[in-house]
Amino acid sequence: VGQTGTLTITRPGYGYSFVCTYALGTASGSIGDLRTVSSSSGRVVYQWTVPESLAHQITASTWASGTVTVKVYSGGTLVGTLRAPFTAYVPESMRPVATLQVSVVNDDAAVRDWGLCIQGVSRLEYTVTASGQGGASIRTCRFRFGGQEFAGSSGTTGLIGVSGILVPTVTVTDSRGRSATVTGSAVKVYAYHQPVISASAVTRCDADGTAADSGAYLKVQCTASCAAVGNRNAVQVRARYRPMGGSWSGYTTLTSGAERLLGGGLAAAASYEVELSAVDTVGSVRAVSYTSSNASVAFHLRSGGVGAAFGKLAD
């Protein structure tokens, strides 16, 4: 289809003329653009450029059969008709074409204005515009990105689980079974992980920081870090405490790696639960918990008979 073939007609001599037509599927027409390649009394060879429009008759395969009909005239009188089959092939150049557009989706309000694609936080929205050539239609469309694959010409991925420079691709297949793969613009996915607490400690102490089982203070320390995310992300370290079974205090902001005293009015006979946490700008939290016991004794019965403990005062 679209290329040049030959028609060879044998004849008993000069003085004969020919009118050629073709038919394929529902298409037919006169072959009026024949060019003579060679001619003798017994044979004539023509060149015929097969119309590209015939591809529209071949939409479910890459080839189809048609017929060329030749009416033979001698001195203007119709003396016979010849027919011969031909096979028309859709050229390789008639493959589907497609374009791919992608954009980053951040549902988290904390990072929405960053304009970054973040591992485990962001998703990718895609739109494919595709068309078949020569009358073919698009049968399937497969989008791939970051280990995920989706069918359809548009949609949104799940959270992107890998980082690096990633290239989205789409493969479209037409009704002839021919495929084409195109790529979109590369997307930089920034590495991200939850905050990391690398060191932490809680000690019951007096006002000067000296360890004391029944001290009125808690000496806390927490060292944390976070993923940089293009230098947009930062980590905040904080602490809170409560008597066992009681209500939490408010959060106290800490300096990463530095000691700080909390409390000042802790009950000597009470045990306390302490939570140290690191929260980053993205909003992820990593926390560790400690229990700070009260005074050490061999055995203790709580007043009223509602508690007993070995090695400490009963809560």
C-alpha atoms as a PDB file:
ATOM      1  CA  VAL A   1       0.000   0.000   0.000  1.00  0.00           C
ATOM      2  CA  GLY A   2       1.447   3.327  -1.111  1.00  0.00           C
ATOM      3  CA  GLN A   3       4.264   1.603  -2.953  1.00  0.00           C
ATOM      4  CA  THR A   4       4.778   0.725  -6.618  1.00  0.00           C
ATOM      5  CA  GLY A   5       4.069  -2.696  -8.086  1.00  0.00           C
ATOM      6  CA  THR A   6       3.883  -4.037 -11.619  1.00  0.00           C
ATOM      7  CA  LEU A   7       1.117  -5.317 -13.876  1.00  0.00           C
ATOM      8  CA  THR A   8       2.295  -7.620 -16.652  1.00  0.00           C
ATOM      9  CA  ILE A   9      -0.143  -8.354 -19.489  1.00  0.00           C
ATOM     10  CA  THR A  10       0.554 -10.825 -22.269  1.00  0.00           C
ATOM     11  CA  ARG A  11      -1.068 -10.061 -25.623  1.00  0.00           C
ATOM     12  CA  PRO A  12      -1.197 -11.561 -29.122  1.00  0.00           C
ATOM     13  CA  GLY A  13       0.265  -8.428 -30.697  1.00  0.00           C
ATOM     14  CA  TYR A  14       0.171  -4.699 -31.000  1.00  0.00           C
ATOM     15  CA  GLY A  15      -3.156  -2.953 -31.507  1.00  0.00           C
ATOM     16  CA  TYR A  16      -4.666  -3.933 -28.189  1.00  0.00           C
ATOM     17  CA  SER A  17      -5.508  -1.503 -25.372  1.00  0.00           C
ATOM     18  CA  PHE A  18      -6.418  -2.092 -21.775  1.00  0.00           C
ATOM     19  CA  VAL A  19      -8.599  -0.529 -19.090  1.00  0.00           C
ATOM     20  CA  CYS A  20      -7.592  -1.605 -15.586  1.00  0.00           C
ATOM     21  CA  THR A  21      -9.612  -1.431 -12.353  1.00  0.00           C
ATOM     22  CA  TYR A  22      -9.041  -2.725  -8.848  1.00  0.00           C
ATOM     23  CA  ALA A  23     -11.270  -3.889  -6.002  1.00  0.00           C
ATOM     24  CA  LEU A  24     -10.418  -4.608  -2.370  1.00  0.00           C
ATOM     25  CA  GLY A  25     -13.009  -4.828   0.362  1.00  0.00           C
ATOM     26  CA  THR A  26     -15.586  -2.155  -0.308  1.00  0.00           C
ATOM     27  CA  ALA A  27     -13.121  -0.009  -2.251  1.00  0.00           C
ATOM     28  CA  SER A  28     -12.762  -0.024  -6.024  1.00  0.00           C
ATOM     29  CA  GLY A  29     -11.485   2.305  -8.677  1.00  0.00           C
ATOM     30  CA  SER A  30      -9.894   2.813 -12.016  1.00  0.00           C
ATOM     31  CA  ILE A  31      -6.149   2.392 -12.395  1.00  0.00           C
ATOM     32  CA  GLY A  32      -5.518   5.435 -14.488  1.00  0.00           C
ATOM     33  CA  ASP A  33      -1.995   6.276 -13.442  1.00  0.00           C
ATOM     34  CA  LEU A  34      -0.241   3.374 -15.167  1.00  0.00           C
ATOM     35  CA  ARG A  35       3.258   4.004 -16.475  1.00  0.00           C
ATOM     36  CA  THR A  36       4.664   1.761 -19.170  1.00  0.00           C
ATOM     37  CA  VAL A  37       7.892   0.078 -18.122  1.00  0.00           C
ATOM     38  CA  SER A  38       8.389  -2.105 -21.219  1.00  0.00           C
ATOM     39  CA  SER A  39       6.365  -3.054 -24.256  1.00  0.00           C
ATOM     40  CA  SER A  40       6.617  -5.638 -27.004  1.00  0.00           C
ATOM     41  CA  SER A  41       4.205  -7.318 -29.355  1.00  0.00           C
ATOM     42  CA  GLY A  42       3.646 -10.138 -26.869  1.00  0.00           C
ATOM     43  CA  ARG A  43       3.806  -8.359 -23.538  1.00  0.00           C
ATOM     44  CA  VAL A  44       3.421  -5.030 -21.824  1.00  0.00           C
ATOM     45  CA  VAL A  45       4.563  -4.180 -18.291  1.00  0.00           C
ATOM     46  CA  TYR A  46       3.031  -1.307 -16.330  1.00  0.00           C
ATOM     47  CA  GLN A  47       3.850   0.243 -12.992  1.00  0.00           C
ATOM     48  CA  TRP A  48       0.997   0.857 -10.557  1.00  0.00           C
ATOM     49  CA  THR A  49       1.239   2.811  -7.307  1.00  0.00           C
ATOM     50  CA  VAL A  50      -1.175   1.140  -4.931  1.00  0.00           C
ATOM     51  CA  PRO A  51      -3.399   3.853  -3.346  1.00  0.00           C
ATOM     52  CA  GLU A  52      -2.710   4.525   0.329  1.00  0.00           C
ATOM     53  CA  SER A  53      -6.453   4.753   0.832  1.00  0.00           C
ATOM     54  CA  LEU A  54      -6.621   0.957   0.545  1.00  0.00           C
ATOM     55  CA  ALA A  55      -5.158   0.769   4.053  1.00  0.00           C
ATOM     56  CA  HIS A  56      -8.595   1.841   5.296  1.00  0.00           C
ATOM     57  CA  GLN A  57      -9.901  -1.488   3.984  1.00  0.00           C
ATOM     58  CA  ILE A  58      -7.335  -3.388   6.051  1.00  0.00           C
ATOM     59  CA  THR A  59      -7.968  -2.420   9.655  1.00  0.00           C
ATOM     60  CA  ALA A  60      -7.926  -5.773  11.460  1.00  0.00           C
ATOM     61  CA  SER A  61      -4.857  -7.276   9.839  1.00  0.00           C
ATOM     62  CA  THR A  62      -1.679  -6.206   8.069  1.00  0.00           C
ATOM     63  CA  TRP A  63      -2.720  -7.569   4.673  1.00  0.00           C
ATOM     64  CA  ALA A  64      -5.751  -8.372   2.524  1.00  0.00           C
ATOM     65  CA  SER A  65      -6.480  -9.800  -0.914  1.00  0.00           C
ATOM     66  CA  GLY A  66      -7.979  -7.864  -3.812  1.00  0.00           C
ATOM     67  CA  THR A  67      -8.539  -8.233  -7.521  1.00  0.00           C
ATOM     68  CA  VAL A  68      -7.297  -6.393 -10.576  1.00  0.00           C
ATOM     69  CA  THR A  69      -9.618  -6.540 -13.592  1.00  0.00           C
ATOM     70  CA  VAL A  70      -8.383  -5.735 -17.104  1.00  0.00           C
ATOM     71  CA  LYS A  71     -10.772  -5.124 -19.995  1.00  0.00           C
ATOM     72  CA  VAL A  72      -9.075  -5.827 -23.338  1.00  0.00           C
ATOM     73  CA  TYR A  73      -9.965  -3.762 -26.386  1.00  0.00           C
ATOM     74  CA  SER A  74      -9.001  -4.324 -30.007  1.00  0.00           C
ATOM     75  CA  GLY A  75      -9.577  -1.295 -32.141  1.00  0.00           C
ATOM     76  CA  GLY A  76     -12.081   0.040 -29.636  1.00  0.00           C
ATOM     77  CA  THR A  77     -14.006  -3.225 -29.374  1.00  0.00           C
ATOM     78  CA  LEU A  78     -14.148  -5.121 -26.091  1.00  0.00           C
ATOM     79  CA  VAL A  79     -12.748  -8.556 -26.812  1.00  0.00           C
ATOM     80  CA  GLY A  80     -12.164  -9.954 -23.347  1.00  0.00           C
ATOM     81  CA  THR A  81     -11.693  -9.514 -19.639  1.00  0.00           C
ATOM     82  CA  LEU A  82      -8.794 -10.661 -17.463  1.00  0.00           C
ATOM     83  CA  ARG A  83      -8.682 -10.949 -13.672  1.00  0.00           C
ATOM     84  CA  ALA A  84      -5.827 -11.587 -11.281  1.00  0.00           C
ATOM     85  CA  PRO A  85      -5.650 -11.566  -7.457  1.00  0.00           C
ATOM     86  CA  PHE A  86      -3.220  -9.376  -5.569  1.00  0.00           C
ATOM     87  CA  THR A  87      -2.255  -9.044  -1.931  1.00  0.00           C
ATOM     88  CA  ALA A  88      -2.002  -5.598  -0.399  1.00  0.00           C
ATOM     89  CA  TYR A  89       0.238  -5.213   2.644  1.00  0.00           C
ATOM     90  CA  VAL A  90       0.001  -2.332   5.104  1.00  0.00           C
ATOM     91  CA  PRO A  91       3.534  -0.900   5.331  1.00  0.00           C
ATOM     92  CA  GLU A  92       5.487  -0.963   8.577  1.00  0.00           C
ATOM     93  CA  SER A  93       5.413   2.816   8.633  1.00  0.00           C
ATOM     94  CA  MET A  94       1.687   2.711   9.389  1.00  0.00           C
ATOM     95  CA  ARG A  95       2.016   2.177  13.116  1.00  0.00           C
ATOM     96  CA  PRO A  96      -0.005   3.915  15.813  1.00  0.00           C
ATOM     97  CA  VAL A  97       1.235   7.273  17.065  1.00  0.00           C
ATOM     98  CA  ALA A  98       0.912   8.570  20.615  1.00  0.00           C
ATOM     99  CA  THR A  99       1.920  11.406  22.903  1.00  0.00           C
ATOM    100  CA  LEU A 100       2.181  11.210  26.686  1.00  0.00           C
ATOM    101  CA  GLN A 101       1.692  13.940  29.269  1.00  0.00           C
ATOM    102  CA  VAL A 102       2.331  13.447  32.991  1.00  0.00           C
ATOM    103  CA  SER A 103       1.989  15.605  36.093  1.00  0.00           C
ATOM    104  CA  VAL A 104       2.783  15.096  39.768  1.00  0.00           C
ATOM    105  CA  VAL A 105      -0.075  14.730  42.241  1.00  0.00           C
ATOM    106  CA  ASN A 106       0.544  15.519  45.931  1.00  0.00           C
ATOM    107  CA  ASP A 107      -2.486  14.944  48.144  1.00  0.00           C
ATOM    108  CA  ASP A 108      -0.533  15.965  51.265  1.00  0.00           C
ATOM    109  CA  ALA A 109      -1.102  19.684  51.827  1.00  0.00           C
ATOM    110  CA  ALA A 110       2.298  19.971  53.518  1.00  0.00           C
ATOM    111  CA  VAL A 111       4.160  19.260  50.278  1.00  0.00           C
ATOM    112  CA  ARG A 112       1.613  20.346  47.667  1.00  0.00           C
ATOM    113  CA  ASP A 113       3.374  23.639  46.951  1.00  0.00           C
ATOM    114  CA  TRP A 114       6.826  22.099  46.690  1.00  0.00           C
ATOM    115  CA  GLY A 115       6.296  20.975  43.115  1.00  0.00           C
ATOM    116  CA  LEU A 116       8.336  17.834  43.783  1.00  0.00           C
ATOM    117  CA  CYS A 117       7.685  14.155  43.200  1.00  0.00           C
ATOM    118  CA  ILE A 118       8.423  12.368  46.485  1.00  0.00           C
ATOM    119  CA  GLN A 119       8.894   8.666  47.119  1.00  0.00           C
ATOM    120  CA  GLY A 120       5.993   7.150  49.038  1.00  0.00           C
ATOM    121  CA  VAL A 121       4.124  10.474  49.078  1.00  0.00           C
ATOM    122  CA  SER A 122       3.423  11.504  45.484  1.00  0.00           C
ATOM    123  CA  ARG A 123       1.449   9.958  42.648  1.00  0.00           C
ATOM    124  CA  LEU A 124       1.646  10.551  38.905  1.00  0.00           C
ATOM    125  CA  GLU A 125      -1.270  11.518  36.698  1.00  0.00           C
ATOM    126  CA  TYR A 126      -1.008  10.616  33.010  1.00  0.00           C
ATOM    127  CA  THR A 127      -2.882  11.347  29.794  1.00  0.00           C
ATOM    128  CA  VAL A 128      -2.248   9.557  26.506  1.00  0.00           C
ATOM    129  CA  THR A 129      -3.338  10.868  23.129  1.00  0.00           C
ATOM    130  CA  ALA A 130      -3.134   8.112  20.504  1.00  0.00           C
ATOM    131  CA  SER A 131      -4.431   7.378  17.032  1.00  0.00           C
ATOM    132  CA  GLY A 132      -4.136   4.602  14.485  1.00  0.00           C
ATOM    133  CA  GLN A 133      -2.833   5.185  10.963  1.00  0.00           C
ATOM    134  CA  GLY A 134      -4.504   4.316   7.687  1.00  0.00           C
ATOM    135  CA  GLY A 135      -7.908   3.668   9.203  1.00  0.00           C
ATOM    136  CA  ALA A 136      -6.774   1.527  12.149  1.00  0.00           C
ATOM    137  CA  SER A 137      -8.144   2.175  15.625  1.00  0.00           C
ATOM    138  CA  ILE A 138      -6.439   1.995  19.010  1.00  0.00           C
ATOM    139  CA  ARG A 139      -7.133  -1.307  20.735  1.00  0.00           C
ATOM    140  CA  THR A 140      -5.066  -1.136  23.931  1.00  0.00           C
ATOM    141  CA  CYS A 141      -3.047   1.400  25.878  1.00  0.00           C
ATOM    142  CA  ARG A 142      -0.619   0.397  28.660  1.00  0.00           C
ATOM    143  CA  PHE A 143       1.100   2.985  30.877  1.00  0.00           C
ATOM    144  CA  ARG A 144       4.171   2.120  32.982  1.00  0.00           C
ATOM    145  CA  PHE A 145       6.017   4.074  35.642  1.00  0.00           C
ATOM    146  CA  GLY A 146       8.084   3.174  38.687  1.00  0.00           C
ATOM    147  CA  GLY A 147       7.194  -0.524  38.577  1.00  0.00           C
ATOM    148  CA  GLN A 148       3.471   0.154  38.186  1.00  0.00           C
ATOM    149  CA  GLU A 149       1.403  -0.605  35.085  1.00  0.00           C
ATOM    150  CA  PHE A 150      -2.078   0.573  34.144  1.00  0.00           C
ATOM    151  CA  ALA A 151      -4.482   0.108  31.256  1.00  0.00           C
ATOM    152  CA  GLY A 152      -6.327   3.009  29.678  1.00  0.00           C
ATOM    153  CA  SER A 153      -5.527   6.350  28.128  1.00  0.00           C
ATOM    154  CA  SER A 154      -5.620   8.298  31.397  1.00  0.00           C
ATOM    155  CA  GLY A 155      -5.398   7.750  35.116  1.00  0.00           C
ATOM    156  CA  THR A 156      -3.352   8.185  38.258  1.00  0.00           C
ATOM    157  CA  THR A 157      -0.761   5.835  39.702  1.00  0.00           C
ATOM    158  CA  GLY A 158      -0.546   4.673  43.285  1.00  0.00           C
ATOM    159  CA  LEU A 159       2.065   6.133  45.606  1.00  0.00           C
ATOM    160  CA  ILE A 160       5.449   5.900  43.922  1.00  0.00           C
ATOM    161  CA  GLY A 161       7.577   3.462  45.885  1.00  0.00           C
ATOM    162  CA  VAL A 162      10.994   4.039  44.291  1.00  0.00           C
ATOM    163  CA  SER A 163      13.285   7.028  43.839  1.00  0.00           C
ATOM    164  CA  GLY A 164      15.591   8.256  41.099  1.00  0.00           C
ATOM    165  CA  ILE A 165      15.226   9.631  37.583  1.00  0.00           C
ATOM    166  CA  LEU A 166      12.296   7.646  36.201  1.00  0.00           C
ATOM    167  CA  VAL A 167      10.923   7.730  32.662  1.00  0.00           C
ATOM    168  CA  PRO A 168       7.201   7.093  32.069  1.00  0.00           C
ATOM    169  CA  THR A 169       6.334   5.019  29.006  1.00  0.00           C
ATOM    170  CA  VAL A 170       3.175   4.051  27.197  1.00  0.00           C
ATOM    171  CA  THR A 171       2.619   1.281  24.665  1.00  0.00           C
ATOM    172  CA  VAL A 172      -0.345   1.565  22.324  1.00  0.00           C
ATOM    173  CA  THR A 173      -1.551  -1.266  20.091  1.00  0.00           C
ATOM    174  CA  ASP A 174      -3.823  -0.751  17.099  1.00  0.00           C
ATOM    175  CA  SER A 175      -6.522  -2.929  15.610  1.00  0.00           C
ATOM    176  CA  ARG A 176      -3.952  -4.501  13.253  1.00  0.00           C
ATOM    177  CA  GLY A 177      -1.933  -5.700  16.237  1.00  0.00           C
ATOM    178  CA  ARG A 178       0.919  -3.288  15.661  1.00  0.00           C
ATOM    179  CA  SER A 179       2.407  -1.500  18.654  1.00  0.00           C
ATOM    180  CA  ALA A 180       4.357   1.649  19.336  1.00  0.00           C
ATOM    181  CA  THR A 181       6.054   2.689  22.585  1.00  0.00           C
ATOM    182  CA  VAL A 182       6.656   6.330  23.449  1.00  0.00           C
ATOM    183  CA  THR A 183       8.196   7.960  26.498  1.00  0.00           C
ATOM    184  CA  GLY A 184       7.210  11.031  28.454  1.00  0.00           C
ATOM    185  CA  SER A 185       9.427  13.553  30.162  1.00  0.00           C
ATOM    186  CA  ALA A 186      11.723  12.077  32.821  1.00  0.00           C
ATOM    187  CA  VAL A 187      10.533  12.584  36.389  1.00  0.00           C
ATOM    188  CA  LYS A 188      12.892  13.033  39.339  1.00  0.00           C
ATOM    189  CA  VAL A 189      11.500  11.165  42.326  1.00  0.00           C
ATOM    190  CA  TYR A 190      13.132  12.408  45.544  1.00  0.00           C
ATOM    191  CA  ALA A 191      14.075   9.749  48.074  1.00  0.00           C
ATOM    192  CA  TYR A 192      12.002   9.850  51.246  1.00  0.00           C
ATOM    193  CA  HIS A 193      11.756   7.863  54.468  1.00  0.00           C
ATOM    194  CA  GLN A 194      10.226   8.441  57.876  1.00  0.00           C
ATOM    195  CA  PRO A 195      12.314  10.334  60.451  1.00  0.00           C
ATOM    196  CA  VAL A 196      15.080   8.284  62.058  1.00  0.00           C
ATOM    197  CA  ILE A 197      15.765   8.389  65.806  1.00  0.00           C
ATOM    198  CA  SER A 198      19.407   7.419  66.134  1.00  0.00           C
ATOM    199  CA  ALA A 199      19.774   7.945  69.915  1.00  0.00           C
ATOM    200  CA  SER A 200      17.447   8.599  72.841  1.00  0.00           C
ATOM    201  CA  ALA A 201      17.474   8.473  76.621  1.00  0.00           C
ATOM    202  CA  VAL A 202      15.217   9.260  79.598  1.00  0.00           C
ATOM    203  CA  THR A 203      16.418   9.558  83.210  1.00  0.00           C
ATOM    204  CA  ARG A 204      14.472  10.369  86.391  1.00  0.00           C
ATOM    205  CA  CYS A 205      16.467  13.074  88.154  1.00  0.00           C
ATOM    206  CA  ASP A 206      16.658  16.022  90.534  1.00  0.00           C
ATOM    207  CA  ALA A 207      16.720  19.680  89.492  1.00  0.00           C
ATOM    208  CA  ASP A 208      20.475  19.577  88.847  1.00  0.00           C
ATOM    209  CA  GLY A 209      20.161  16.566  86.535  1.00  0.00           C
ATOM    210  CA  THR A 210      21.445  14.025  89.061  1.00  0.00           C
ATOM    211  CA  ALA A 211      19.709  10.674  88.628  1.00  0.00           C
ATOM    212  CA  ALA A 212      17.168  10.018  91.374  1.00  0.00           C
ATOM    213  CA  ASP A 213      14.435   7.337  91.461  1.00  0.00           C
ATOM    214  CA  SER A 214      11.944   9.698  93.074  1.00  0.00           C
ATOM    215  CA  GLY A 215      13.201  12.902  91.421  1.00  0.00           C
ATOM    216  CA  ALA A 216      10.813  15.647  90.409  1.00  0.00           C
ATOM    217  CA  TYR A 217      12.286  15.939  86.914  1.00  0.00           C
ATOM    218  CA  LEU A 218      12.851  13.899  83.775  1.00  0.00           C
ATOM    219  CA  LYS A 219      16.080  14.361  81.832  1.00  0.00           C
ATOM    220  CA  VAL A 220      15.448  13.555  78.182  1.00  0.00           C
ATOM    221  CA  GLN A 221      17.586  13.507  75.071  1.00  0.00           C
ATOM    222  CA  CYS A 222      16.721  12.576  71.489  1.00  0.00           C
ATOM    223  CA  THR A 223      18.776  12.677  68.283  1.00  0.00           C
ATOM    224  CA  ALA A 224      16.877  12.459  64.988  1.00  0.00           C
ATOM    225  CA  SER A 225      17.303  13.052  61.261  1.00  0.00           C
ATOM    226  CA  CYS A 226      15.108  13.032  58.171  1.00  0.00           C
ATOM    227  CA  ALA A 227      15.252  12.742  54.372  1.00  0.00           C
ATOM    228  CA  ALA A 228      16.354  16.006  52.757  1.00  0.00           C
ATOM    229  CA  VAL A 229      13.806  16.009  49.874  1.00  0.00           C
ATOM    230  CA  GLY A 230      15.613  18.724  47.975  1.00  0.00           C
ATOM    231  CA  ASN A 231      16.402  20.593  51.214  1.00  0.00           C
ATOM    232  CA  ARG A 232      12.675  21.188  51.747  1.00  0.00           C
ATOM    233  CA  ASN A 233      12.236  18.754  54.630  1.00  0.00           C
ATOM    234  CA  ALA A 234      13.218  19.317  58.276  1.00  0.00           C
ATOM    235  CA  VAL A 235      12.776  17.356  61.500  1.00  0.00           C
ATOM    236  CA  GLN A 236      11.467  18.539  64.868  1.00  0.00           C
ATOM    237  CA  VAL A 237      12.147  16.602  68.064  1.00  0.00           C
ATOM    238  CA  ARG A 238       9.643  16.758  70.920  1.00  0.00           C
ATOM    239  CA  ALA A 239       8.705  15.046  74.181  1.00  0.00           C
ATOM    240  CA  ARG A 240       5.680  14.509  76.380  1.00  0.00           C
ATOM    241  CA  TYR A 241       4.999  12.542  79.561  1.00  0.00           C
ATOM    242  CA  ARG A 242       2.220  11.316  81.805  1.00  0.00           C
ATOM    243  CA  PRO A 243       1.803   9.423  85.058  1.00  0.00           C
ATOM    244  CA  MET A 244       1.006   5.781  84.398  1.00  0.00           C
ATOM    245  CA  GLY A 245      -2.666   5.631  83.498  1.00  0.00           C
ATOM    246  CA  GLY A 246      -2.994   9.447  83.468  1.00  0.00           C
ATOM    247  CA  SER A 247      -3.253  12.125  80.783  1.00  0.00           C
ATOM    248  CA  TRP A 248      -0.438  13.307  78.550  1.00  0.00           C
ATOM    249  CA  SER A 249       1.246  16.628  79.082  1.00  0.00           C
ATOM    250  CA  GLY A 250       1.621  18.977  76.140  1.00  0.00           C
ATOM    251  CA  TYR A 251       4.550  18.533  73.761  1.00  0.00           C
ATOM    252  CA  THR A 252       7.858  20.173  74.634  1.00  0.00           C
ATOM    253  CA  THR A 253      10.150  20.965  71.702  1.00  0.00           C
ATOM    254  CA  LEU A 254      13.683  19.613  72.048  1.00  0.00           C
ATOM    255  CA  THR A 255      16.934  20.359  70.296  1.00  0.00           C
ATOM    256  CA  SER A 256      18.151  17.253  68.506  1.00  0.00           C
ATOM    257  CA  GLY A 257      20.985  15.664  70.467  1.00  0.00           C
ATOM    258  CA  ALA A 258      20.731  18.043  73.449  1.00  0.00           C
ATOM    259  CA  GLU A 259      19.554  17.159  76.968  1.00  0.00           C
ATOM    260  CA  ARG A 260      16.593  18.897  78.532  1.00  0.00           C
ATOM    261  CA  LEU A 261      14.770  18.712  81.866  1.00  0.00           C
ATOM    262  CA  LEU A 262      11.010  18.199  81.956  1.00  0.00           C
ATOM    263  CA  GLY A 263       8.582  18.267  84.827  1.00  0.00           C
ATOM    264  CA  GLY A 264       9.577  19.845  88.113  1.00  0.00           C
ATOM    265  CA  GLY A 265       6.557  18.623  89.988  1.00  0.00           C
ATOM    266  CA  LEU A 266       6.663  14.886  89.447  1.00  0.00           C
ATOM    267  CA  ALA A 267       5.146  12.857  92.278  1.00  0.00           C
ATOM    268  CA  ALA A 268       7.806  10.841  94.032  1.00  0.00           C
ATOM    269  CA  ALA A 269       5.586   7.779  94.363  1.00  0.00           C
ATOM    270  CA  ALA A 270       4.368   7.779  90.739  1.00  0.00           C
ATOM    271  CA  SER A 271       5.878   6.118  87.682  1.00  0.00           C
ATOM    272  CA  TYR A 272       5.843   8.071  84.421  1.00  0.00           C
ATOM    273  CA  GLU A 273       5.579   7.154  80.777  1.00  0.00           C
ATOM    274  CA  VAL A 274       7.675   9.304  78.430  1.00  0.00           C
ATOM    275  CA  GLU A 275       7.301   9.563  74.656  1.00  0.00           C
ATOM    276  CA  LEU A 276      10.077  10.997  72.484  1.00  0.00           C
ATOM    277  CA  SER A 277       9.104  11.655  68.898  1.00  0.00           C
ATOM    278  CA  ALA A 278      10.515  13.093  65.699  1.00  0.00           C
ATOM    279  CA  VAL A 279       8.127  14.684  63.188  1.00  0.00           C
ATOM    280  CA  ASP A 280       9.216  16.026  59.821  1.00  0.00           C
ATOM    281  CA  THR A 281       7.752  18.697  57.567  1.00  0.00           C
ATOM    282  CA  VAL A 282       6.067  16.046  55.425  1.00  0.00           C
ATOM    283  CA  GLY A 283       4.162  14.991  58.533  1.00  0.00           C
ATOM    284  CA  SER A 284       5.600  11.558  59.283  1.00  0.00           C
ATOM    285  CA  VAL A 285       6.270  10.678  62.917  1.00  0.00           C
ATOM    286  CA  ARG A 286       8.713   8.251  64.528  1.00  0.00           C
ATOM    287  CA  ALA A 287       8.409   7.749  68.296  1.00  0.00           C
ATOM    288  CA  VAL A 288       9.991   5.773  71.128  1.00  0.00           C
ATOM    289  CA  SER A 289       8.538   5.263  74.606  1.00  0.00           C
ATOM    290  CA  TYR A 290      10.164   4.899  78.009  1.00  0.00           C
ATOM    291  CA  THR A 291       8.847   4.130  81.462  1.00  0.00           C
ATOM    292  CA  SER A 292      10.493   6.040  84.299  1.00  0.00           C
ATOM    293  CA  SER A 293       9.980   4.167  87.534  1.00  0.00           C
ATOM    294  CA  ASN A 294       9.613   5.633  91.031  1.00  0.00           C
ATOM    295  CA  ALA A 295      11.625   5.018  94.196  1.00  0.00           C
ATOM    296  CA  SER A 296      13.266   1.612  94.659  1.00  0.00           C
ATOM    297  CA  VAL A 297      12.128  -0.484  97.649  1.00  0.00           C
ATOM    298  CA  ALA A 298      12.151  -4.194  98.354  1.00  0.00           C
ATOM    299  CA  PHE A 299       8.350  -4.485  98.572  1.00  0.00           C
ATOM    300  CA  HIS A 300       5.495  -2.004  98.765  1.00  0.00           C
ATOM    301  CA  LEU A 301       1.725  -2.180  99.354  1.00  0.00           C
ATOM    302  CA  ARG A 302      -0.185   0.765  97.975  1.00  0.00           C
ATOM    303  CA  SER A 303      -2.435   2.596 100.433  1.00  0.00           C
ATOM    304  CA  GLY A 304      -5.946   1.202 100.364  1.00  0.00           C
ATOM    305  CA  GLY A 305      -4.834  -2.202  99.138  1.00  0.00           C
ATOM    306  CA  VAL A 306      -5.159  -1.360  95.442  1.00  0.00           C
ATOM    307  CA  GLY A 307      -1.592  -2.131  94.395  1.00  0.00           C
ATOM    308  CA  ALA A 308       1.536  -4.081  95.277  1.00  0.00           C
ATOM    309  CA  ALA A 309       5.042  -4.061  93.843  1.00  0.00           C
ATOM    310  CA  PHE A 310       8.441  -5.660  94.312  1.00  0.00           C
ATOM    311  CA  GLY A 311      11.517  -3.464  93.776  1.00  0.00           C
ATOM    312  CA  LYS A 312       9.597  -0.173  93.569  1.00  0.00           C
ATOM    313  CA  LEU A 313       6.705   1.752  94.988  1.00  0.00           C
ATOM    314  CA  ALA A 314       3.332   0.392  93.864  1.00  0.00           C
ATOM    315  CA  ASP A 315       1.373   2.461  91.334  1.00  0.00           C
END
